[in-house]
Amino acid sequence: MVLLLPDGEAESDRRASALSYAAVLPLGRALARAGRAEGLLVHRVRYRTRGWNGADAHLAADATWAAEEVVRRHGDVPVCLAGHGMGGRAALRAAGHPAVNSVLALAPWLPEDDVAAAPEPVAQLNGRRVLIVHGTNDRATDPELSYRLAQRAKKSNRDTCRFEVHTDGHALRQYQDEVLALAADFVLGSLYARHYARPVADALAAPPPLGLRMPLAAGFGGR
């Protein structure tokens, strides 16, 4: 099962945005198509509101609720949390649920380092396969922050890797085909214990910073 977590906002009590749901459709379709023969199910999570809302972490709470629903409805099946932007943060934060075996965070929105606040947690990622993908020209979410989080996570969880999409922005449209192929390879490899493509396997095995600044090559996944 893949749970898609759309983008959101830092603070808002408004209903979730239809545009953010539409933005994850290409990812959902690509994963469903790639995993059809294996019976992979892909569902979008519908948030109660579009805001993270500080310590309430509403989007992460909704992701955890969705994982609980998977267990209730389908039993003991492995779950991949796949999110974009604020949904990427929700995927990373909710990874501690027992059903979650992997996390895919695309251009995750992460808070700036603040000496007065606890750093974004990473302990919940232990035992999970983690892939972060970030465009180097992202102006909406800082790619350096996702690198720092991956660096901290890698210290206790070797199954963490991060790819950089050079010159791409927040929506990762310039190299969308490559990003979707990378996502499908990671998700199917994680959920079905398949062999990863060589670049993914290399990124997981490489020590920092190599495995956390792995460039996504043009044409990845092409036939």
C-alpha atoms as a PDB file:
ATOM      1  CA  MET A   1       0.000   0.000   0.000  1.00  0.00           C
ATOM      2  CA  VAL A   2       1.178   3.503  -0.825  1.00  0.00           C
ATOM      3  CA  LEU A   3      -0.359   6.460   0.975  1.00  0.00           C
ATOM      4  CA  LEU A   4       0.047   9.699  -0.988  1.00  0.00           C
ATOM      5  CA  LEU A   5       0.435  12.808   1.154  1.00  0.00           C
ATOM      6  CA  PRO A   6      -0.147  16.056  -0.776  1.00  0.00           C
ATOM      7  CA  ASP A   7       1.478  19.402  -0.049  1.00  0.00           C
ATOM      8  CA  GLY A   8       0.010  21.748   2.541  1.00  0.00           C
ATOM      9  CA  GLU A   9       0.755  24.978   4.373  1.00  0.00           C
ATOM     10  CA  ALA A  10       2.603  25.857   7.548  1.00  0.00           C
ATOM     11  CA  GLU A  11      -0.422  27.445   9.225  1.00  0.00           C
ATOM     12  CA  SER A  12      -4.018  27.130   8.067  1.00  0.00           C
ATOM     13  CA  ASP A  13      -7.396  25.879   9.245  1.00  0.00           C
ATOM     14  CA  ARG A  14      -8.835  25.970   5.724  1.00  0.00           C
ATOM     15  CA  ARG A  15      -9.891  22.836   3.922  1.00  0.00           C
ATOM     16  CA  ALA A  16      -7.197  20.985   2.012  1.00  0.00           C
ATOM     17  CA  SER A  17      -6.409  22.358  -1.433  1.00  0.00           C
ATOM     18  CA  ALA A  18      -7.732  20.579  -4.519  1.00  0.00           C
ATOM     19  CA  LEU A  19      -4.613  21.747  -6.373  1.00  0.00           C
ATOM     20  CA  SER A  20      -2.315  19.953  -3.929  1.00  0.00           C
ATOM     21  CA  TYR A  21      -4.305  16.746  -4.423  1.00  0.00           C
ATOM     22  CA  ALA A  22      -4.064  17.119  -8.196  1.00  0.00           C
ATOM     23  CA  ALA A  23      -0.305  17.676  -7.961  1.00  0.00           C
ATOM     24  CA  VAL A  24       0.329  14.167  -6.605  1.00  0.00           C
ATOM     25  CA  LEU A  25      -1.803  12.451  -9.261  1.00  0.00           C
ATOM     26  CA  PRO A  26       1.119  11.811 -11.666  1.00  0.00           C
ATOM     27  CA  LEU A  27       3.033  10.121  -8.846  1.00  0.00           C
ATOM     28  CA  GLY A  28       0.025   8.041  -7.856  1.00  0.00           C
ATOM     29  CA  ARG A  29      -0.624   6.930 -11.417  1.00  0.00           C
ATOM     30  CA  ALA A  30       3.021   6.048 -12.014  1.00  0.00           C
ATOM     31  CA  LEU A  31       3.207   3.951  -8.857  1.00  0.00           C
ATOM     32  CA  ALA A  32      -0.110   2.222  -9.510  1.00  0.00           C
ATOM     33  CA  ARG A  33       0.960   1.394 -13.061  1.00  0.00           C
ATOM     34  CA  ALA A  34       4.361   0.101 -11.986  1.00  0.00           C
ATOM     35  CA  GLY A  35       2.893  -2.045  -9.209  1.00  0.00           C
ATOM     36  CA  ARG A  36      -0.268  -3.264 -10.908  1.00  0.00           C
ATOM     37  CA  ALA A  37       1.021  -6.798 -11.461  1.00  0.00           C
ATOM     38  CA  GLU A  38       1.969  -7.020  -7.781  1.00  0.00           C
ATOM     39  CA  GLY A  39      -1.431  -5.815  -6.573  1.00  0.00           C
ATOM     40  CA  LEU A  40      -0.103  -2.502  -5.265  1.00  0.00           C
ATOM     41  CA  LEU A  41      -2.802  -0.167  -3.943  1.00  0.00           C
ATOM     42  CA  VAL A  42      -2.308   3.609  -3.971  1.00  0.00           C
ATOM     43  CA  HIS A  43      -4.520   5.990  -1.991  1.00  0.00           C
ATOM     44  CA  ARG A  44      -4.423   9.745  -1.490  1.00  0.00           C
ATOM     45  CA  VAL A  45      -4.829  10.881   2.093  1.00  0.00           C
ATOM     46  CA  ARG A  46      -7.459  13.590   2.536  1.00  0.00           C
ATOM     47  CA  TYR A  47      -6.353  15.979   5.247  1.00  0.00           C
ATOM     48  CA  ARG A  48      -8.754  17.555   7.707  1.00  0.00           C
ATOM     49  CA  THR A  49      -7.109  20.927   7.055  1.00  0.00           C
ATOM     50  CA  ARG A  50      -4.246  22.062   4.866  1.00  0.00           C
ATOM     51  CA  GLY A  51      -2.112  23.389   7.740  1.00  0.00           C
ATOM     52  CA  TRP A  52       0.693  21.710   9.678  1.00  0.00           C
ATOM     53  CA  ASN A  53      -0.128  24.099  12.516  1.00  0.00           C
ATOM     54  CA  GLY A  54       2.909  24.003  14.725  1.00  0.00           C
ATOM     55  CA  ALA A  55       3.088  21.466  17.507  1.00  0.00           C
ATOM     56  CA  ASP A  56      -0.292  20.029  16.455  1.00  0.00           C
ATOM     57  CA  ALA A  57       1.389  18.606  13.322  1.00  0.00           C
ATOM     58  CA  HIS A  58      -2.043  17.973  11.821  1.00  0.00           C
ATOM     59  CA  LEU A  59      -0.786  16.568   8.521  1.00  0.00           C
ATOM     60  CA  ALA A  60       1.415  14.014  10.270  1.00  0.00           C
ATOM     61  CA  ALA A  61      -1.498  13.066  12.519  1.00  0.00           C
ATOM     62  CA  ASP A  62      -3.653  12.506   9.424  1.00  0.00           C
ATOM     63  CA  ALA A  63      -0.925  10.344   7.894  1.00  0.00           C
ATOM     64  CA  THR A  64      -0.785   8.240  11.056  1.00  0.00           C
ATOM     65  CA  TRP A  65      -4.566   7.900  11.039  1.00  0.00           C
ATOM     66  CA  ALA A  66      -4.430   6.738   7.419  1.00  0.00           C
ATOM     67  CA  ALA A  67      -1.828   4.085   8.266  1.00  0.00           C
ATOM     68  CA  GLU A  68      -4.117   2.879  11.051  1.00  0.00           C
ATOM     69  CA  GLU A  69      -6.963   2.644   8.545  1.00  0.00           C
ATOM     70  CA  VAL A  70      -4.812   0.513   6.249  1.00  0.00           C
ATOM     71  CA  VAL A  71      -4.207  -1.929   9.090  1.00  0.00           C
ATOM     72  CA  ARG A  72      -7.893  -1.951  10.033  1.00  0.00           C
ATOM     73  CA  ARG A  73      -9.089  -2.566   6.486  1.00  0.00           C
ATOM     74  CA  HIS A  74      -6.303  -4.684   4.988  1.00  0.00           C
ATOM     75  CA  GLY A  75      -4.467  -6.264   7.881  1.00  0.00           C
ATOM     76  CA  ASP A  76      -0.715  -6.697   8.084  1.00  0.00           C
ATOM     77  CA  VAL A  77       0.480  -5.122   4.834  1.00  0.00           C
ATOM     78  CA  PRO A  78       3.591  -2.975   4.396  1.00  0.00           C
ATOM     79  CA  VAL A  79       2.954   0.719   3.815  1.00  0.00           C
ATOM     80  CA  CYS A  80       5.007   3.339   2.011  1.00  0.00           C
ATOM     81  CA  LEU A  81       4.303   6.961   2.932  1.00  0.00           C
ATOM     82  CA  ALA A  82       4.937   9.135  -0.131  1.00  0.00           C
ATOM     83  CA  GLY A  83       4.600  12.887   0.247  1.00  0.00           C
ATOM     84  CA  HIS A  84       5.412  16.139  -1.525  1.00  0.00           C
ATOM     85  CA  GLY A  85       6.341  19.409   0.162  1.00  0.00           C
ATOM     86  CA  MET A  86       4.562  19.598   3.503  1.00  0.00           C
ATOM     87  CA  GLY A  87       3.322  16.088   2.746  1.00  0.00           C
ATOM     88  CA  GLY A  88       6.963  15.017   2.598  1.00  0.00           C
ATOM     89  CA  ARG A  89       7.437  16.303   6.122  1.00  0.00           C
ATOM     90  CA  ALA A  90       4.291  14.441   7.198  1.00  0.00           C
ATOM     91  CA  ALA A  91       5.628  11.228   5.644  1.00  0.00           C
ATOM     92  CA  LEU A  92       8.929  11.568   7.480  1.00  0.00           C
ATOM     93  CA  ARG A  93       7.280  12.433  10.791  1.00  0.00           C
ATOM     94  CA  ALA A  94       4.673   9.623  10.664  1.00  0.00           C
ATOM     95  CA  ALA A  95       7.200   6.943   9.700  1.00  0.00           C
ATOM     96  CA  GLY A  96       7.210   5.488  13.192  1.00  0.00           C
ATOM     97  CA  HIS A  97       3.873   3.741  12.678  1.00  0.00           C
ATOM     98  CA  PRO A  98       4.479  -0.039  12.812  1.00  0.00           C
ATOM     99  CA  ALA A  99       2.914  -0.634   9.380  1.00  0.00           C
ATOM    100  CA  VAL A 100       5.306   1.764   7.611  1.00  0.00           C
ATOM    101  CA  ASN A 101       8.312   0.136   5.999  1.00  0.00           C
ATOM    102  CA  SER A 102       9.429   2.979   3.722  1.00  0.00           C
ATOM    103  CA  VAL A 103       9.212   6.728   3.167  1.00  0.00           C
ATOM    104  CA  LEU A 104       9.430   8.728  -0.043  1.00  0.00           C
ATOM    105  CA  ALA A 105       9.748  12.483   0.544  1.00  0.00           C
ATOM    106  CA  LEU A 106       9.723  14.714  -2.532  1.00  0.00           C
ATOM    107  CA  ALA A 107      10.924  18.281  -1.945  1.00  0.00           C
ATOM    108  CA  PRO A 108       9.981  18.056   1.735  1.00  0.00           C
ATOM    109  CA  TRP A 109       9.207  21.279   3.572  1.00  0.00           C
ATOM    110  CA  LEU A 110      11.268  21.368   6.763  1.00  0.00           C
ATOM    111  CA  PRO A 111      11.596  24.099   9.399  1.00  0.00           C
ATOM    112  CA  GLU A 112      14.672  26.250   9.699  1.00  0.00           C
ATOM    113  CA  ASP A 113      17.087  25.293  12.452  1.00  0.00           C
ATOM    114  CA  ASP A 114      16.107  27.037  15.682  1.00  0.00           C
ATOM    115  CA  VAL A 115      18.268  26.838  18.807  1.00  0.00           C
ATOM    116  CA  ALA A 116      15.146  27.446  20.911  1.00  0.00           C
ATOM    117  CA  ALA A 117      13.256  24.476  19.470  1.00  0.00           C
ATOM    118  CA  ALA A 118      13.969  20.774  19.240  1.00  0.00           C
ATOM    119  CA  PRO A 119      15.305  19.688  15.823  1.00  0.00           C
ATOM    120  CA  GLU A 120      13.041  17.793  13.470  1.00  0.00           C
ATOM    121  CA  PRO A 121      12.997  14.198  14.791  1.00  0.00           C
ATOM    122  CA  VAL A 122      14.641  11.338  12.892  1.00  0.00           C
ATOM    123  CA  ALA A 123      14.508   8.429  15.375  1.00  0.00           C
ATOM    124  CA  GLN A 124      11.168   7.298  13.897  1.00  0.00           C
ATOM    125  CA  LEU A 125      12.950   6.584  10.605  1.00  0.00           C
ATOM    126  CA  ASN A 126      15.041   3.778  12.079  1.00  0.00           C
ATOM    127  CA  GLY A 127      14.244   0.464  10.423  1.00  0.00           C
ATOM    128  CA  ARG A 128      12.600   2.153   7.419  1.00  0.00           C
ATOM    129  CA  ARG A 129      13.888   2.627   3.888  1.00  0.00           C
ATOM    130  CA  VAL A 130      14.034   6.368   3.255  1.00  0.00           C
ATOM    131  CA  LEU A 131      14.398   8.237  -0.027  1.00  0.00           C
ATOM    132  CA  ILE A 132      14.435  12.029  -0.205  1.00  0.00           C
ATOM    133  CA  VAL A 133      14.380  13.776  -3.594  1.00  0.00           C
ATOM    134  CA  HIS A 134      14.987  17.516  -3.901  1.00  0.00           C
ATOM    135  CA  GLY A 135      15.489  19.952  -6.766  1.00  0.00           C
ATOM    136  CA  THR A 136      18.564  22.131  -6.391  1.00  0.00           C
ATOM    137  CA  ASN A 137      16.642  25.206  -7.612  1.00  0.00           C
ATOM    138  CA  ASP A 138      13.716  24.752  -5.231  1.00  0.00           C
ATOM    139  CA  ARG A 139      12.624  28.202  -4.053  1.00  0.00           C
ATOM    140  CA  ALA A 140       9.704  26.997  -1.942  1.00  0.00           C
ATOM    141  CA  THR A 141      11.539  24.502   0.281  1.00  0.00           C
ATOM    142  CA  ASP A 142      15.238  24.649   1.087  1.00  0.00           C
ATOM    143  CA  PRO A 143      17.107  21.612  -0.284  1.00  0.00           C
ATOM    144  CA  GLU A 144      19.918  22.177   2.228  1.00  0.00           C
ATOM    145  CA  LEU A 145      17.489  21.493   5.087  1.00  0.00           C
ATOM    146  CA  SER A 146      16.525  18.112   3.638  1.00  0.00           C
ATOM    147  CA  TYR A 147      20.224  17.304   3.281  1.00  0.00           C
ATOM    148  CA  ARG A 148      20.841  18.125   6.947  1.00  0.00           C
ATOM    149  CA  LEU A 149      17.917  15.952   8.039  1.00  0.00           C
ATOM    150  CA  ALA A 150      19.133  13.075   5.841  1.00  0.00           C
ATOM    151  CA  GLN A 151      22.603  13.484   7.319  1.00  0.00           C
ATOM    152  CA  ARG A 152      21.249  13.118  10.860  1.00  0.00           C
ATOM    153  CA  ALA A 153      19.001  10.203   9.890  1.00  0.00           C
ATOM    154  CA  LYS A 154      21.856   8.347   8.176  1.00  0.00           C
ATOM    155  CA  LYS A 155      23.821   8.211  11.436  1.00  0.00           C
ATOM    156  CA  SER A 156      21.383   5.686  12.926  1.00  0.00           C
ATOM    157  CA  ASN A 157      19.617   4.389   9.822  1.00  0.00           C
ATOM    158  CA  ARG A 158      21.898   3.290   6.995  1.00  0.00           C
ATOM    159  CA  ASP A 159      18.872   2.717   4.729  1.00  0.00           C
ATOM    160  CA  THR A 160      18.596   6.444   4.044  1.00  0.00           C
ATOM    161  CA  CYS A 161      19.464   8.089   0.746  1.00  0.00           C
ATOM    162  CA  ARG A 162      18.824  11.385  -0.983  1.00  0.00           C
ATOM    163  CA  PHE A 163      18.884  12.382  -4.655  1.00  0.00           C
ATOM    164  CA  GLU A 164      19.410  15.882  -6.012  1.00  0.00           C
ATOM    165  CA  VAL A 165      17.684  16.919  -9.233  1.00  0.00           C
ATOM    166  CA  HIS A 166      19.955  19.589 -10.636  1.00  0.00           C
ATOM    167  CA  THR A 167      18.300  22.802 -11.899  1.00  0.00           C
ATOM    168  CA  ASP A 168      14.799  21.511 -11.038  1.00  0.00           C
ATOM    169  CA  GLY A 169      12.327  23.385  -8.837  1.00  0.00           C
ATOM    170  CA  HIS A 170       9.782  22.558  -6.167  1.00  0.00           C
ATOM    171  CA  ALA A 171       7.328  20.756  -8.458  1.00  0.00           C
ATOM    172  CA  LEU A 172      10.110  18.611  -9.996  1.00  0.00           C
ATOM    173  CA  ARG A 173       8.534  19.026 -13.436  1.00  0.00           C
ATOM    174  CA  GLN A 174      11.682  19.500 -15.512  1.00  0.00           C
ATOM    175  CA  TYR A 175      12.755  15.905 -14.897  1.00  0.00           C
ATOM    176  CA  GLN A 176       9.372  14.486 -13.999  1.00  0.00           C
ATOM    177  CA  ASP A 177       9.851  11.231 -15.924  1.00  0.00           C
ATOM    178  CA  GLU A 178      13.113  10.512 -14.138  1.00  0.00           C
ATOM    179  CA  VAL A 179      11.659  11.413 -10.720  1.00  0.00           C
ATOM    180  CA  LEU A 180       8.666   9.131 -11.260  1.00  0.00           C
ATOM    181  CA  ALA A 181      10.893   6.279 -12.437  1.00  0.00           C
ATOM    182  CA  LEU A 182      13.121   6.741  -9.374  1.00  0.00           C
ATOM    183  CA  ALA A 183      10.065   6.772  -7.089  1.00  0.00           C
ATOM    184  CA  ALA A 184       8.651   3.596  -8.646  1.00  0.00           C
ATOM    185  CA  ASP A 185      11.965   1.774  -8.388  1.00  0.00           C
ATOM    186  CA  PHE A 186      12.334   2.713  -4.719  1.00  0.00           C
ATOM    187  CA  VAL A 187       8.735   1.960  -3.721  1.00  0.00           C
ATOM    188  CA  LEU A 188       8.568  -1.439  -5.434  1.00  0.00           C
ATOM    189  CA  GLY A 189      12.011  -2.376  -4.186  1.00  0.00           C
ATOM    190  CA  SER A 190      11.054  -1.464  -0.623  1.00  0.00           C
ATOM    191  CA  LEU A 191       7.574  -2.985  -0.501  1.00  0.00           C
ATOM    192  CA  TYR A 192       8.355  -6.168  -2.439  1.00  0.00           C
ATOM    193  CA  ALA A 193      12.011  -6.728  -1.506  1.00  0.00           C
ATOM    194  CA  ARG A 194      13.125  -6.345  -5.115  1.00  0.00           C
ATOM    195  CA  HIS A 195      16.584  -5.360  -6.198  1.00  0.00           C
ATOM    196  CA  TYR A 196      16.902  -1.596  -6.550  1.00  0.00           C
ATOM    197  CA  ALA A 197      18.295   0.016  -9.672  1.00  0.00           C
ATOM    198  CA  ARG A 198      22.062   0.472  -9.399  1.00  0.00           C
ATOM    199  CA  PRO A 199      21.957   4.213  -8.559  1.00  0.00           C
ATOM    200  CA  VAL A 200      19.488   3.620  -5.698  1.00  0.00           C
ATOM    201  CA  ALA A 201      21.475   0.677  -4.334  1.00  0.00           C
ATOM    202  CA  ASP A 202      24.668   2.732  -4.567  1.00  0.00           C
ATOM    203  CA  ALA A 203      23.064   5.704  -2.801  1.00  0.00           C
ATOM    204  CA  LEU A 204      21.836   3.521   0.057  1.00  0.00           C
ATOM    205  CA  ALA A 205      25.237   1.900   0.456  1.00  0.00           C
ATOM    206  CA  ALA A 206      27.369   5.027   0.123  1.00  0.00           C
ATOM    207  CA  PRO A 207      28.499   6.959   3.189  1.00  0.00           C
ATOM    208  CA  PRO A 208      27.657  10.658   3.557  1.00  0.00           C
ATOM    209  CA  PRO A 209      27.838  12.888   1.716  1.00  0.00           C
ATOM    210  CA  LEU A 210      27.907  10.745  -1.450  1.00  0.00           C
ATOM    211  CA  GLY A 211      24.683   8.842  -0.795  1.00  0.00           C
ATOM    212  CA  LEU A 212      22.888  11.993   0.282  1.00  0.00           C
ATOM    213  CA  ARG A 213      23.839  14.169  -2.686  1.00  0.00           C
ATOM    214  CA  MET A 214      23.365  11.567  -5.406  1.00  0.00           C
ATOM    215  CA  PRO A 215      22.587  13.291  -8.717  1.00  0.00           C
ATOM    216  CA  LEU A 216      19.532  12.016 -10.553  1.00  0.00           C
ATOM    217  CA  ALA A 217      20.824  11.318 -14.029  1.00  0.00           C
ATOM    218  CA  ALA A 218      18.848  12.429 -17.067  1.00  0.00           C
ATOM    219  CA  GLY A 219      17.165   9.408 -18.612  1.00  0.00           C
ATOM    220  CA  PHE A 220      16.929   7.395 -15.387  1.00  0.00           C
ATOM    221  CA  GLY A 221      14.499   4.557 -15.904  1.00  0.00           C
ATOM    222  CA  GLY A 222      14.492   4.968 -19.676  1.00  0.00           C
ATOM    223  CA  ARG A 223      14.348   1.960 -21.920  1.00  0.00           C
END
